[in-house]
PDB file of N, CA and C in Angstrom:
ATOM      1  N   MET A   1       5.538   3.667  14.384  1.00  0.00           N
ATOM      2  CA  MET A   1       4.721   3.563  13.191  1.00  0.00           C
ATOM      3  C   MET A   1       3.284   3.956  13.567  1.00  0.00           C
ATOM      4  N   SER A   2       2.656   4.644  12.676  1.00  0.00           N
ATOM      5  CA  SER A   2       1.297   5.123  12.902  1.00  0.00           C
ATOM      6  C   SER A   2       0.327   3.958  13.126  1.00  0.00           C
ATOM      7  N   GLN A   3      -0.577   4.152  14.044  1.00  0.00           N
ATOM      8  CA  GLN A   3      -1.568   3.122  14.368  1.00  0.00           C
ATOM      9  C   GLN A   3      -2.434   2.767  13.156  1.00  0.00           C
ATOM     10  N   ILE A   4      -2.794   3.763  12.355  1.00  0.00           N
ATOM     11  CA  ILE A   4      -3.654   3.487  11.203  1.00  0.00           C
ATOM     12  C   ILE A   4      -2.947   2.587  10.198  1.00  0.00           C
ATOM     13  N   PHE A   5      -1.633   2.777  10.015  1.00  0.00           N
ATOM     14  CA  PHE A   5      -0.887   1.903   9.109  1.00  0.00           C
ATOM     15  C   PHE A   5      -0.859   0.475   9.648  1.00  0.00           C
ATOM     16  N   LYS A   6      -0.666   0.351  10.941  1.00  0.00           N
ATOM     17  CA  LYS A   6      -0.657  -0.978  11.560  1.00  0.00           C
ATOM     18  C   LYS A   6      -1.998  -1.667  11.394  1.00  0.00           C
ATOM     19  N   GLU A   7      -3.072  -0.941  11.661  1.00  0.00           N
ATOM     20  CA  GLU A   7      -4.411  -1.522  11.545  1.00  0.00           C
ATOM     21  C   GLU A   7      -4.735  -1.895  10.103  1.00  0.00           C
ATOM     22  N   LEU A   8      -4.386  -1.023   9.178  1.00  0.00           N
ATOM     23  CA  LEU A   8      -4.640  -1.308   7.770  1.00  0.00           C
ATOM     24  C   LEU A   8      -3.838  -2.527   7.325  1.00  0.00           C
ATOM     25  N   PHE A   9      -2.567  -2.597   7.734  1.00  0.00           N
ATOM     26  CA  PHE A   9      -1.736  -3.732   7.354  1.00  0.00           C
ATOM     27  C   PHE A   9      -2.282  -5.033   7.944  1.00  0.00           C
ATOM     28  N   GLU A  10      -2.769  -4.979   9.177  1.00  0.00           N
ATOM     29  CA  GLU A  10      -3.379  -6.169   9.794  1.00  0.00           C
ATOM     30  C   GLU A  10      -4.607  -6.622   9.006  1.00  0.00           C
ATOM     31  N   THR A  11      -5.396  -5.670   8.541  1.00  0.00           N
ATOM     32  CA  THR A  11      -6.571  -6.004   7.734  1.00  0.00           C
ATOM     33  C   THR A  11      -6.147  -6.649   6.418  1.00  0.00           C
ATOM     34  N   ILE A  12      -5.118  -6.105   5.796  1.00  0.00           N
ATOM     35  CA  ILE A  12      -4.609  -6.672   4.540  1.00  0.00           C
ATOM     36  C   ILE A  12      -4.121  -8.099   4.774  1.00  0.00           C
ATOM     37  N   LEU A  13      -3.370  -8.305   5.851  1.00  0.00           N
ATOM     38  CA  LEU A  13      -2.893  -9.655   6.170  1.00  0.00           C
ATOM     39  C   LEU A  13      -4.054 -10.608   6.424  1.00  0.00           C
ATOM     40  N   ASP A  14      -5.094 -10.120   7.069  1.00  0.00           N
ATOM     41  CA  ASP A  14      -6.271 -10.948   7.324  1.00  0.00           C
ATOM     42  C   ASP A  14      -6.958 -11.334   6.014  1.00  0.00           C
ATOM     43  N   ARG A  15      -7.061 -10.379   5.084  1.00  0.00           N
ATOM     44  CA  ARG A  15      -7.672 -10.677   3.780  1.00  0.00           C
ATOM     45  C   ARG A  15      -6.816 -11.682   3.001  1.00  0.00           C
ATOM     46  N   LYS A  16      -5.504 -11.619   3.200  1.00  0.00           N
ATOM     47  CA  LYS A  16      -4.609 -12.578   2.541  1.00  0.00           C
ATOM     48  C   LYS A  16      -4.836 -13.984   3.110  1.00  0.00           C
ATOM     49  N   ALA A  17      -4.936 -14.078   4.424  1.00  0.00           N
ATOM     50  CA  ALA A  17      -5.110 -15.374   5.081  1.00  0.00           C
ATOM     51  C   ALA A  17      -6.535 -15.892   4.974  1.00  0.00           C
ATOM     52  N   ASN A  18      -7.502 -14.986   4.977  1.00  0.00           N
ATOM     53  CA  ASN A  18      -8.922 -15.346   4.967  1.00  0.00           C
ATOM     54  C   ASN A  18      -9.652 -14.508   3.924  1.00  0.00           C
ATOM     55  N   PRO A  19      -9.468 -14.823   2.644  1.00  0.00           N
ATOM     56  CA  PRO A  19     -10.090 -13.997   1.598  1.00  0.00           C
ATOM     57  C   PRO A  19     -11.594 -13.863   1.801  1.00  0.00           C
ATOM     58  N   THR A  20     -12.047 -12.642   1.753  1.00  0.00           N
ATOM     59  CA  THR A  20     -13.459 -12.333   1.906  1.00  0.00           C
ATOM     60  C   THR A  20     -14.067 -12.099   0.523  1.00  0.00           C
ATOM     61  N   PRO A  21     -15.165 -12.781   0.180  1.00  0.00           N
ATOM     62  CA  PRO A  21     -15.795 -12.541  -1.120  1.00  0.00           C
ATOM     63  C   PRO A  21     -16.111 -11.059  -1.312  1.00  0.00           C
ATOM     64  N   GLY A  22     -15.761 -10.543  -2.466  1.00  0.00           N
ATOM     65  CA  GLY A  22     -16.034  -9.136  -2.758  1.00  0.00           C
ATOM     66  C   GLY A  22     -14.979  -8.181  -2.252  1.00  0.00           C
ATOM     67  N   SER A  23     -13.982  -8.666  -1.537  1.00  0.00           N
ATOM     68  CA  SER A  23     -12.933  -7.808  -0.995  1.00  0.00           C
ATOM     69  C   SER A  23     -11.958  -7.406  -2.100  1.00  0.00           C
ATOM     70  N   TYR A  24     -11.771  -6.098  -2.287  1.00  0.00           N
ATOM     71  CA  TYR A  24     -10.807  -5.613  -3.276  1.00  0.00           C
ATOM     72  C   TYR A  24      -9.408  -6.112  -2.939  1.00  0.00           C
ATOM     73  N   THR A  25      -9.053  -6.085  -1.675  1.00  0.00           N
ATOM     74  CA  THR A  25      -7.739  -6.533  -1.240  1.00  0.00           C
ATOM     75  C   THR A  25      -7.522  -8.003  -1.585  1.00  0.00           C
ATOM     76  N   ALA A  26      -8.499  -8.841  -1.304  1.00  0.00           N
ATOM     77  CA  ALA A  26      -8.384 -10.260  -1.615  1.00  0.00           C
ATOM     78  C   ALA A  26      -8.257 -10.480  -3.114  1.00  0.00           C
ATOM     79  N   LYS A  27      -9.036  -9.746  -3.904  1.00  0.00           N
ATOM     80  CA  LYS A  27      -8.960  -9.864  -5.365  1.00  0.00           C
ATOM     81  C   LYS A  27      -7.586  -9.446  -5.874  1.00  0.00           C
ATOM     82  N   LEU A  28      -7.077  -8.357  -5.327  1.00  0.00           N
ATOM     83  CA  LEU A  28      -5.769  -7.849  -5.748  1.00  0.00           C
ATOM     84  C   LEU A  28      -4.663  -8.844  -5.418  1.00  0.00           C
ATOM     85  N   LEU A  29      -4.696  -9.373  -4.215  1.00  0.00           N
ATOM     86  CA  LEU A  29      -3.695 -10.372  -3.823  1.00  0.00           C
ATOM     87  C   LEU A  29      -3.812 -11.629  -4.673  1.00  0.00           C
ATOM     88  N   ASP A  30      -5.023 -12.040  -4.973  1.00  0.00           N
ATOM     89  CA  ASP A  30      -5.247 -13.231  -5.782  1.00  0.00           C
ATOM     90  C   ASP A  30      -4.776 -13.027  -7.226  1.00  0.00           C
ATOM     91  N   ALA A  31      -4.830 -11.787  -7.702  1.00  0.00           N
ATOM     92  CA  ALA A  31      -4.415 -11.486  -9.076  1.00  0.00           C
ATOM     93  C   ALA A  31      -2.904 -11.621  -9.257  1.00  0.00           C
ATOM     94  N   GLY A  32      -2.170 -11.544  -8.158  1.00  0.00           N
ATOM     95  CA  GLY A  32      -0.732 -11.746  -8.233  1.00  0.00           C
ATOM     96  C   GLY A  32       0.080 -10.472  -8.148  1.00  0.00           C
ATOM     97  N   GLU A  33       1.371 -10.677  -7.978  1.00  0.00           N
ATOM     98  CA  GLU A  33       2.280  -9.548  -7.747  1.00  0.00           C
ATOM     99  C   GLU A  33       2.317  -8.562  -8.909  1.00  0.00           C
ATOM    100  N   ASP A  34       2.243  -9.054 -10.148  1.00  0.00           N
ATOM    101  CA  ASP A  34       2.281  -8.135 -11.287  1.00  0.00           C
ATOM    102  C   ASP A  34       1.130  -7.133 -11.233  1.00  0.00           C
ATOM    103  N   GLU A  35      -0.045  -7.606 -10.831  1.00  0.00           N
ATOM    104  CA  GLU A  35      -1.190  -6.699 -10.729  1.00  0.00           C
ATOM    105  C   GLU A  35      -0.986  -5.687  -9.603  1.00  0.00           C
ATOM    106  N   VAL A  36      -0.427  -6.130  -8.494  1.00  0.00           N
ATOM    107  CA  VAL A  36      -0.136  -5.214  -7.383  1.00  0.00           C
ATOM    108  C   VAL A  36       0.877  -4.163  -7.843  1.00  0.00           C
ATOM    109  N   LEU A  37       1.915  -4.592  -8.541  1.00  0.00           N
ATOM    110  CA  LEU A  37       2.928  -3.652  -9.045  1.00  0.00           C
ATOM    111  C   LEU A  37       2.325  -2.658 -10.033  1.00  0.00           C
ATOM    112  N   LYS A  38       1.423  -3.122 -10.860  1.00  0.00           N
ATOM    113  CA  LYS A  38       0.728  -2.242 -11.800  1.00  0.00           C
ATOM    114  C   LYS A  38      -0.018  -1.146 -11.049  1.00  0.00           C
ATOM    115  N   LYS A  39      -0.709  -1.539  -9.982  1.00  0.00           N
ATOM    116  CA  LYS A  39      -1.456  -0.557  -9.186  1.00  0.00           C
ATOM    117  C   LYS A  39      -0.512   0.430  -8.485  1.00  0.00           C
ATOM    118  N   VAL A  40       0.613  -0.051  -7.984  1.00  0.00           N
ATOM    119  CA  VAL A  40       1.592   0.849  -7.356  1.00  0.00           C
ATOM    120  C   VAL A  40       2.063   1.882  -8.379  1.00  0.00           C
ATOM    121  N   GLY A  41       2.375   1.426  -9.582  1.00  0.00           N
ATOM    122  CA  GLY A  41       2.809   2.351 -10.635  1.00  0.00           C
ATOM    123  C   GLY A  41       1.739   3.365 -11.003  1.00  0.00           C
ATOM    124  N   GLU A  42       0.506   2.899 -11.130  1.00  0.00           N
ATOM    125  CA  GLU A  42      -0.607   3.798 -11.453  1.00  0.00           C
ATOM    126  C   GLU A  42      -0.772   4.868 -10.379  1.00  0.00           C
ATOM    127  N   GLU A  43      -0.726   4.441  -9.128  1.00  0.00           N
ATOM    128  CA  GLU A  43      -0.915   5.398  -8.034  1.00  0.00           C
ATOM    129  C   GLU A  43       0.239   6.394  -7.962  1.00  0.00           C
ATOM    130  N   ALA A  44       1.458   5.929  -8.233  1.00  0.00           N
ATOM    131  CA  ALA A  44       2.612   6.842  -8.230  1.00  0.00           C
ATOM    132  C   ALA A  44       2.431   7.917  -9.305  1.00  0.00           C
ATOM    133  N   MET A  45       1.971   7.509 -10.487  1.00  0.00           N
ATOM    134  CA  MET A  45       1.730   8.483 -11.554  1.00  0.00           C
ATOM    135  C   MET A  45       0.614   9.446 -11.175  1.00  0.00           C
ATOM    136  N   GLU A  46      -0.417   8.943 -10.536  1.00  0.00           N
ATOM    137  CA  GLU A  46      -1.512   9.815 -10.120  1.00  0.00           C
ATOM    138  C   GLU A  46      -1.055  10.832  -9.079  1.00  0.00           C
ATOM    139  N   ILE A  47      -0.087  10.468  -8.243  1.00  0.00           N
ATOM    140  CA  ILE A  47       0.477  11.424  -7.281  1.00  0.00           C
ATOM    141  C   ILE A  47       1.184  12.551  -8.022  1.00  0.00           C
ATOM    142  N   ILE A  48       1.953  12.200  -9.030  1.00  0.00           N
ATOM    143  CA  ILE A  48       2.668  13.212  -9.808  1.00  0.00           C
ATOM    144  C   ILE A  48       1.672  14.169 -10.454  1.00  0.00           C
ATOM    145  N   LEU A  49       0.637  13.627 -11.071  1.00  0.00           N
ATOM    146  CA  LEU A  49      -0.370  14.476 -11.714  1.00  0.00           C
ATOM    147  C   LEU A  49      -1.080  15.365 -10.699  1.00  0.00           C
ATOM    148  N   ALA A  50      -1.415  14.804  -9.555  1.00  0.00           N
ATOM    149  CA  ALA A  50      -2.086  15.595  -8.516  1.00  0.00           C
ATOM    150  C   ALA A  50      -1.184  16.721  -8.022  1.00  0.00           C
ATOM    151  N   ALA A  51       0.084  16.427  -7.837  1.00  0.00           N
ATOM    152  CA  ALA A  51       1.030  17.440  -7.341  1.00  0.00           C
ATOM    153  C   ALA A  51       1.250  18.550  -8.369  1.00  0.00           C
ATOM    154  N   LYS A  52       1.081  18.216  -9.633  1.00  0.00           N
ATOM    155  CA  LYS A  52       1.315  19.193 -10.699  1.00  0.00           C
ATOM    156  C   LYS A  52       0.096  20.044 -11.022  1.00  0.00           C
ATOM    157  N   GLY A  53      -0.984  19.920 -10.283  1.00  0.00           N
ATOM    158  CA  GLY A  53      -2.070  20.832 -10.592  1.00  0.00           C
ATOM    159  C   GLY A  53      -3.465  20.428 -10.166  1.00  0.00           C
ATOM    160  N   GLN A  54      -3.580  19.396  -9.353  1.00  0.00           N
ATOM    161  CA  GLN A  54      -4.916  18.984  -8.959  1.00  0.00           C
ATOM    162  C   GLN A  54      -5.240  19.343  -7.513  1.00  0.00           C
ATOM    163  N   GLY A  55      -4.333  20.018  -6.846  1.00  0.00           N
ATOM    164  CA  GLY A  55      -4.594  20.493  -5.498  1.00  0.00           C
ATOM    165  C   GLY A  55      -4.189  19.520  -4.411  1.00  0.00           C
ATOM    166  N   ASN A  56      -4.074  20.053  -3.209  1.00  0.00           N
ATOM    167  CA  ASN A  56      -3.604  19.272  -2.066  1.00  0.00           C
ATOM    168  C   ASN A  56      -4.569  18.162  -1.652  1.00  0.00           C
ATOM    169  N   GLU A  57      -5.863  18.421  -1.752  1.00  0.00           N
ATOM    170  CA  GLU A  57      -6.838  17.390  -1.365  1.00  0.00           C
ATOM    171  C   GLU A  57      -6.680  16.150  -2.240  1.00  0.00           C
ATOM    172  N   ARG A  58      -6.536  16.362  -3.536  1.00  0.00           N
ATOM    173  CA  ARG A  58      -6.343  15.249  -4.469  1.00  0.00           C
ATOM    174  C   ARG A  58      -5.005  14.564  -4.211  1.00  0.00           C
ATOM    175  N   LEU A  59      -3.967  15.349  -3.919  1.00  0.00           N
ATOM    176  CA  LEU A  59      -2.648  14.795  -3.634  1.00  0.00           C
ATOM    177  C   LEU A  59      -2.701  13.873  -2.416  1.00  0.00           C
ATOM    178  N   VAL A  60      -3.340  14.321  -1.370  1.00  0.00           N
ATOM    179  CA  VAL A  60      -3.456  13.511  -0.156  1.00  0.00           C
ATOM    180  C   VAL A  60      -4.238  12.225  -0.451  1.00  0.00           C
ATOM    181  N   SER A  61      -5.302  12.333  -1.218  1.00  0.00           N
ATOM    182  CA  SER A  61      -6.104  11.164  -1.576  1.00  0.00           C
ATOM    183  C   SER A  61      -5.268  10.140  -2.355  1.00  0.00           C
ATOM    184  N   GLU A  62      -4.500  10.612  -3.304  1.00  0.00           N
ATOM    185  CA  GLU A  62      -3.662   9.708  -4.099  1.00  0.00           C
ATOM    186  C   GLU A  62      -2.537   9.111  -3.259  1.00  0.00           C
ATOM    187  N   MET A  63      -2.009   9.882  -2.320  1.00  0.00           N
ATOM    188  CA  MET A  63      -0.975   9.340  -1.435  1.00  0.00           C
ATOM    189  C   MET A  63      -1.549   8.224  -0.568  1.00  0.00           C
ATOM    190  N   ALA A  64      -2.767   8.400  -0.101  1.00  0.00           N
ATOM    191  CA  ALA A  64      -3.415   7.345   0.684  1.00  0.00           C
ATOM    192  C   ALA A  64      -3.560   6.081  -0.160  1.00  0.00           C
ATOM    193  N   ASP A  65      -3.941   6.255  -1.430  1.00  0.00           N
ATOM    194  CA  ASP A  65      -4.052   5.095  -2.327  1.00  0.00           C
ATOM    195  C   ASP A  65      -2.708   4.401  -2.495  1.00  0.00           C
ATOM    196  N   LEU A  66      -1.640   5.187  -2.683  1.00  0.00           N
ATOM    197  CA  LEU A  66      -0.314   4.586  -2.858  1.00  0.00           C
ATOM    198  C   LEU A  66       0.132   3.859  -1.601  1.00  0.00           C
ATOM    199  N   PHE A  67      -0.048   4.478  -0.441  1.00  0.00           N
ATOM    200  CA  PHE A  67       0.318   3.808   0.815  1.00  0.00           C
ATOM    201  C   PHE A  67      -0.397   2.458   0.935  1.00  0.00           C
ATOM    202  N   TYR A  68      -1.700   2.454   0.636  1.00  0.00           N
ATOM    203  CA  TYR A  68      -2.463   1.207   0.702  1.00  0.00           C
ATOM    204  C   TYR A  68      -1.855   0.148  -0.218  1.00  0.00           C
ATOM    205  N   HIS A  69      -1.605   0.516  -1.465  1.00  0.00           N
ATOM    206  CA  HIS A  69      -1.080  -0.457  -2.422  1.00  0.00           C
ATOM    207  C   HIS A  69       0.336  -0.906  -2.062  1.00  0.00           C
ATOM    208  N   LEU A  70       1.127  -0.036  -1.459  1.00  0.00           N
ATOM    209  CA  LEU A  70       2.450  -0.438  -0.987  1.00  0.00           C
ATOM    210  C   LEU A  70       2.332  -1.462   0.142  1.00  0.00           C
ATOM    211  N   LEU A  71       1.357  -1.276   1.009  1.00  0.00           N
ATOM    212  CA  LEU A  71       1.129  -2.248   2.085  1.00  0.00           C
ATOM    213  C   LEU A  71       0.688  -3.594   1.516  1.00  0.00           C
ATOM    214  N   VAL A  72      -0.133  -3.567   0.474  1.00  0.00           N
ATOM    215  CA  VAL A  72      -0.540  -4.811  -0.179  1.00  0.00           C
ATOM    216  C   VAL A  72       0.694  -5.496  -0.770  1.00  0.00           C
ATOM    217  N   LEU A  73       1.593  -4.729  -1.372  1.00  0.00           N
ATOM    218  CA  LEU A  73       2.815  -5.301  -1.930  1.00  0.00           C
ATOM    219  C   LEU A  73       3.675  -5.942  -0.843  1.00  0.00           C
ATOM    220  N   LEU A  74       3.805  -5.257   0.292  1.00  0.00           N
ATOM    221  CA  LEU A  74       4.545  -5.852   1.410  1.00  0.00           C
ATOM    222  C   LEU A  74       3.938  -7.194   1.807  1.00  0.00           C
ATOM    223  N   ALA A  75       2.628  -7.214   1.963  1.00  0.00           N
ATOM    224  CA  ALA A  75       1.945  -8.447   2.367  1.00  0.00           C
ATOM    225  C   ALA A  75       2.132  -9.545   1.324  1.00  0.00           C
ATOM    226  N   ALA A  76       2.033  -9.179   0.061  1.00  0.00           N
ATOM    227  CA  ALA A  76       2.190 -10.164  -1.003  1.00  0.00           C
ATOM    228  C   ALA A  76       3.581 -10.785  -0.991  1.00  0.00           C
ATOM    229  N   ARG A  77       4.591 -10.003  -0.585  1.00  0.00           N
ATOM    230  CA  ARG A  77       5.970 -10.481  -0.561  1.00  0.00           C
ATOM    231  C   ARG A  77       6.352 -11.116   0.765  1.00  0.00           C
ATOM    232  N   GLY A  78       5.428 -11.119   1.727  1.00  0.00           N
ATOM    233  CA  GLY A  78       5.740 -11.689   3.038  1.00  0.00           C
ATOM    234  C   GLY A  78       6.611 -10.778   3.881  1.00  0.00           C
ATOM    235  N   LEU A  79       6.597  -9.495   3.566  1.00  0.00           N
ATOM    236  CA  LEU A  79       7.352  -8.509   4.338  1.00  0.00           C
ATOM    237  C   LEU A  79       6.413  -7.792   5.296  1.00  0.00           C
ATOM    238  N   THR A  80       6.986  -7.003   6.200  1.00  0.00           N
ATOM    239  CA  THR A  80       6.174  -6.315   7.199  1.00  0.00           C
ATOM    240  C   THR A  80       6.540  -4.842   7.294  1.00  0.00           C
ATOM    241  N   LEU A  81       5.708  -4.116   7.996  1.00  0.00           N
ATOM    242  CA  LEU A  81       6.029  -2.719   8.300  1.00  0.00           C
ATOM    243  C   LEU A  81       7.307  -2.623   9.120  1.00  0.00           C
ATOM    244  N   ALA A  82       7.536  -3.600   9.971  1.00  0.00           N
ATOM    245  CA  ALA A  82       8.759  -3.608  10.783  1.00  0.00           C
ATOM    246  C   ALA A  82      10.000  -3.683   9.897  1.00  0.00           C
ATOM    247  N   ASP A  83       9.904  -4.376   8.765  1.00  0.00           N
ATOM    248  CA  ASP A  83      11.034  -4.439   7.833  1.00  0.00           C
ATOM    249  C   ASP A  83      11.363  -3.052   7.284  1.00  0.00           C
ATOM    250  N   VAL A  84      10.340  -2.318   6.923  1.00  0.00           N
ATOM    251  CA  VAL A  84      10.535  -0.963   6.395  1.00  0.00           C
ATOM    252  C   VAL A  84      11.042  -0.036   7.497  1.00  0.00           C
ATOM    253  N   GLU A  85      10.447  -0.158   8.661  1.00  0.00           N
ATOM    254  CA  GLU A  85      10.862   0.664   9.793  1.00  0.00           C
ATOM    255  C   GLU A  85      12.335   0.418  10.126  1.00  0.00           C
ATOM    256  N   ALA A  86      12.765  -0.829  10.126  1.00  0.00           N
ATOM    257  CA  ALA A  86      14.167  -1.157  10.418  1.00  0.00           C
ATOM    258  C   ALA A  86      15.097  -0.527   9.384  1.00  0.00           C
ATOM    259  N   GLU A  87      14.676  -0.540   8.128  1.00  0.00           N
ATOM    260  CA  GLU A  87      15.490   0.073   7.074  1.00  0.00           C
ATOM    261  C   GLU A  87      15.612   1.581   7.287  1.00  0.00           C
ATOM    262  N   LEU A  88      14.508   2.219   7.655  1.00  0.00           N
ATOM    263  CA  LEU A  88      14.543   3.663   7.903  1.00  0.00           C
ATOM    264  C   LEU A  88      15.429   4.004   9.099  1.00  0.00           C
ATOM    265  N   VAL A  89      15.354   3.193  10.146  1.00  0.00           N
ATOM    266  CA  VAL A  89      16.216   3.399  11.322  1.00  0.00           C
ATOM    267  C   VAL A  89      17.672   3.245  10.903  1.00  0.00           C
ATOM    268  N   GLN A  90      17.975   2.232  10.120  1.00  0.00           N
ATOM    269  CA  GLN A  90      19.337   1.993   9.633  1.00  0.00           C
ATOM    270  C   GLN A  90      19.851   3.183   8.847  1.00  0.00           C
ATOM    271  N   ARG A  91      19.020   3.752   8.010  1.00  0.00           N
ATOM    272  CA  ARG A  91      19.428   4.885   7.174  1.00  0.00           C
ATOM    273  C   ARG A  91      19.654   6.147   7.989  1.00  0.00           C
ATOM    274  N   ARG A  92      18.954   6.264   9.079  1.00  0.00           N
ATOM    275  CA  ARG A  92      19.085   7.449   9.932  1.00  0.00           C
ATOM    276  C   ARG A  92      20.440   7.551  10.590  1.00  0.00           C
ATOM    277  N   ARG A  93      21.126   6.426  10.737  1.00  0.00           N
ATOM    278  CA  ARG A  93      22.414   6.401  11.428  1.00  0.00           C
ATOM    279  C   ARG A  93      23.497   6.981  10.611  1.00  0.00           C
TER     280      ARG A  93
END
């Protein structure tokens, strides 16, 4: 797993355990799973729009947003990157 994903996920977990005033991550987690799911859906739609005509730079930016929000969803559910990695390894077989 990429080091940046690990570091970002660790930061998200830290914000969950130790909410920092003004932290977007802490606010999102505090808002609850429905709000996190809403953001995942929004970012997925923005990826589609970017891919359909907004250029590669915008597509990459929106993908980064989606990855971040997916990591927040994992943290909110008490899941880890290792859970996703194990599933991908399982599927490869």
